[in-house]
Amino acid sequence: VCLTCCSRESMVRINQICHKNGIKFFTGDVFGYHGYMFADLGQHEFVEEKPKVAKVSTGVEDGPEAKRARLEPPETTMVKK
C-alpha cells in the first residue's frame, strides 16, 4: 500500500492494518523543500553488500605487486539477511 497526502492518524491506522495482515506499507509527502518517507516492510529478506577482508601478507610490500593491489577496487560479497 502506498499512501500520500493523509493525516498522521490515517497513516498510523492504515499502517497498523497493513502490518497486522503482512502487507507492505509506504507513505510519504513533500512540503516545499522538505519531505519524508516511511516504509513498513515487516519480515522481509534483503541482500547487503559487504567488503571482503583483505588478507595481510607477511612479506615486504614493495614493488609492482604491492602498488597494483592498492589500485584495484576492493572486493565485495553479497550477504542475504
C-alpha atoms as a PDB file:
ATOM      1  CA  VAL A   1       0.000   0.000   0.000  1.00  0.00           C
ATOM      2  CA  CYS A   2       1.346   3.453  -0.944  1.00  0.00           C
ATOM      3  CA  LEU A   3      -0.160   6.426   0.857  1.00  0.00           C
ATOM      4  CA  THR A   4       0.337  10.206   0.471  1.00  0.00           C
ATOM      5  CA  CYS A   5      -1.429  13.425   1.466  1.00  0.00           C
ATOM      6  CA  CYS A   6      -3.112  11.950   4.568  1.00  0.00           C
ATOM      7  CA  SER A   7      -3.320  12.927   8.205  1.00  0.00           C
ATOM      8  CA  ARG A   8      -0.937  11.307  10.668  1.00  0.00           C
ATOM      9  CA  GLU A   9      -3.837   9.482  12.326  1.00  0.00           C
ATOM     10  CA  SER A  10      -4.907   7.944   8.986  1.00  0.00           C
ATOM     11  CA  MET A  11      -1.354   6.857   8.179  1.00  0.00           C
ATOM     12  CA  VAL A  12      -0.900   5.192  11.583  1.00  0.00           C
ATOM     13  CA  ARG A  13      -4.274   3.428  11.389  1.00  0.00           C
ATOM     14  CA  ILE A  14      -3.711   2.133   7.839  1.00  0.00           C
ATOM     15  CA  ASN A  15      -0.143   1.059   8.673  1.00  0.00           C
ATOM     16  CA  GLN A  16      -1.410  -0.932  11.669  1.00  0.00           C
ATOM     17  CA  ILE A  17      -3.945  -2.718   9.446  1.00  0.00           C
ATOM     18  CA  CYS A  18      -1.284  -3.484   6.826  1.00  0.00           C
ATOM     19  CA  HIS A  19       1.259  -4.624   9.431  1.00  0.00           C
ATOM     20  CA  LYS A  20      -1.297  -6.927  11.081  1.00  0.00           C
ATOM     21  CA  ASN A  21      -2.079  -8.552   7.695  1.00  0.00           C
ATOM     22  CA  GLY A  22       1.518  -8.821   6.446  1.00  0.00           C
ATOM     23  CA  ILE A  23       1.079  -6.146   3.751  1.00  0.00           C
ATOM     24  CA  LYS A  24       3.992  -3.855   2.924  1.00  0.00           C
ATOM     25  CA  PHE A  25       3.256  -0.154   3.581  1.00  0.00           C
ATOM     26  CA  PHE A  26       4.857   3.002   2.175  1.00  0.00           C
ATOM     27  CA  THR A  27       3.954   6.604   2.934  1.00  0.00           C
ATOM     28  CA  GLY A  28       5.493   9.977   2.257  1.00  0.00           C
ATOM     29  CA  ASP A  29       4.838  13.590   1.433  1.00  0.00           C
ATOM     30  CA  VAL A  30       6.645  16.770   0.410  1.00  0.00           C
ATOM     31  CA  PHE A  31       6.292  20.225   1.903  1.00  0.00           C
ATOM     32  CA  GLY A  32       8.211  22.727  -0.235  1.00  0.00           C
ATOM     33  CA  TYR A  33      11.891  21.858   0.195  1.00  0.00           C
ATOM     34  CA  HIS A  34      11.222  19.307   2.955  1.00  0.00           C
ATOM     35  CA  GLY A  35       9.701  15.857   2.815  1.00  0.00           C
ATOM     36  CA  TYR A  36       9.612  12.458   4.431  1.00  0.00           C
ATOM     37  CA  MET A  37       9.213   8.802   3.536  1.00  0.00           C
ATOM     38  CA  PHE A  38       8.329   5.821   5.737  1.00  0.00           C
ATOM     39  CA  ALA A  39       8.263   2.131   4.855  1.00  0.00           C
ATOM     40  CA  ASP A  40       6.996  -0.769   6.976  1.00  0.00           C
ATOM     41  CA  LEU A  41       8.120  -3.921   5.206  1.00  0.00           C
ATOM     42  CA  GLY A  42       7.507  -6.302   8.108  1.00  0.00           C
ATOM     43  CA  GLN A  43       9.535  -9.511   7.837  1.00  0.00           C
ATOM     44  CA  HIS A  44      11.431  -9.471   4.553  1.00  0.00           C
ATOM     45  CA  GLU A  45      14.669 -10.684   3.017  1.00  0.00           C
ATOM     46  CA  PHE A  46      17.273  -8.375   1.532  1.00  0.00           C
ATOM     47  CA  VAL A  47      20.834  -8.500   0.282  1.00  0.00           C
ATOM     48  CA  GLU A  48      23.601  -6.351   1.728  1.00  0.00           C
ATOM     49  CA  GLU A  49      26.936  -5.732   0.051  1.00  0.00           C
ATOM     50  CA  LYS A  50      29.874  -6.248   2.432  1.00  0.00           C
ATOM     51  CA  PRO A  51      33.573  -5.632   1.699  1.00  0.00           C
ATOM     52  CA  LYS A  52      35.776  -8.721   1.803  1.00  0.00           C
ATOM     53  CA  VAL A  53      38.538  -8.625   4.398  1.00  0.00           C
ATOM     54  CA  ALA A  54      41.910  -8.427   2.660  1.00  0.00           C
ATOM     55  CA  LYS A  55      44.497 -10.975   3.763  1.00  0.00           C
ATOM     56  CA  VAL A  56      47.684  -9.362   5.028  1.00  0.00           C
ATOM     57  CA  SER A  57      50.851 -10.923   3.666  1.00  0.00           C
ATOM     58  CA  THR A  58      53.850 -11.369   5.917  1.00  0.00           C
ATOM     59  CA  GLY A  59      56.324 -10.399   3.171  1.00  0.00           C
ATOM     60  CA  VAL A  60      57.643  -6.939   2.409  1.00  0.00           C
ATOM     61  CA  GLU A  61      55.137  -4.897   0.413  1.00  0.00           C
ATOM     62  CA  ASP A  62      57.380  -3.282  -2.140  1.00  0.00           C
ATOM     63  CA  GLY A  63      57.451  -3.352  -5.905  1.00  0.00           C
ATOM     64  CA  PRO A  64      54.800  -3.516  -8.638  1.00  0.00           C
ATOM     65  CA  GLU A  65      52.587  -6.163  -6.958  1.00  0.00           C
ATOM     66  CA  ALA A  66      52.033  -4.003  -3.869  1.00  0.00           C
ATOM     67  CA  LYS A  67      51.243  -0.934  -5.966  1.00  0.00           C
ATOM     68  CA  ARG A  68      48.826  -2.866  -8.209  1.00  0.00           C
ATOM     69  CA  ALA A  69      46.980  -4.258  -5.177  1.00  0.00           C
ATOM     70  CA  ARG A  70      46.343  -0.769  -3.843  1.00  0.00           C
ATOM     71  CA  LEU A  71      44.967   0.471  -7.189  1.00  0.00           C
ATOM     72  CA  GLU A  72      42.459  -2.354  -7.648  1.00  0.00           C
ATOM     73  CA  PRO A  73      38.950  -1.708  -6.287  1.00  0.00           C
ATOM     74  CA  PRO A  74      38.095  -3.548  -3.057  1.00  0.00           C
ATOM     75  CA  GLU A  75      36.262  -6.857  -3.479  1.00  0.00           C
ATOM     76  CA  THR A  76      32.772  -7.194  -2.047  1.00  0.00           C
ATOM     77  CA  THR A  77      30.430 -10.054  -1.310  1.00  0.00           C
ATOM     78  CA  MET A  78      26.623 -10.126  -1.133  1.00  0.00           C
ATOM     79  CA  VAL A  79      25.108 -11.272   2.172  1.00  0.00           C
ATOM     80  CA  LYS A  80      21.452 -12.345   2.368  1.00  0.00           C
ATOM     81  CA  LYS A  81      19.690 -11.272   5.554  1.00  0.00           C
END
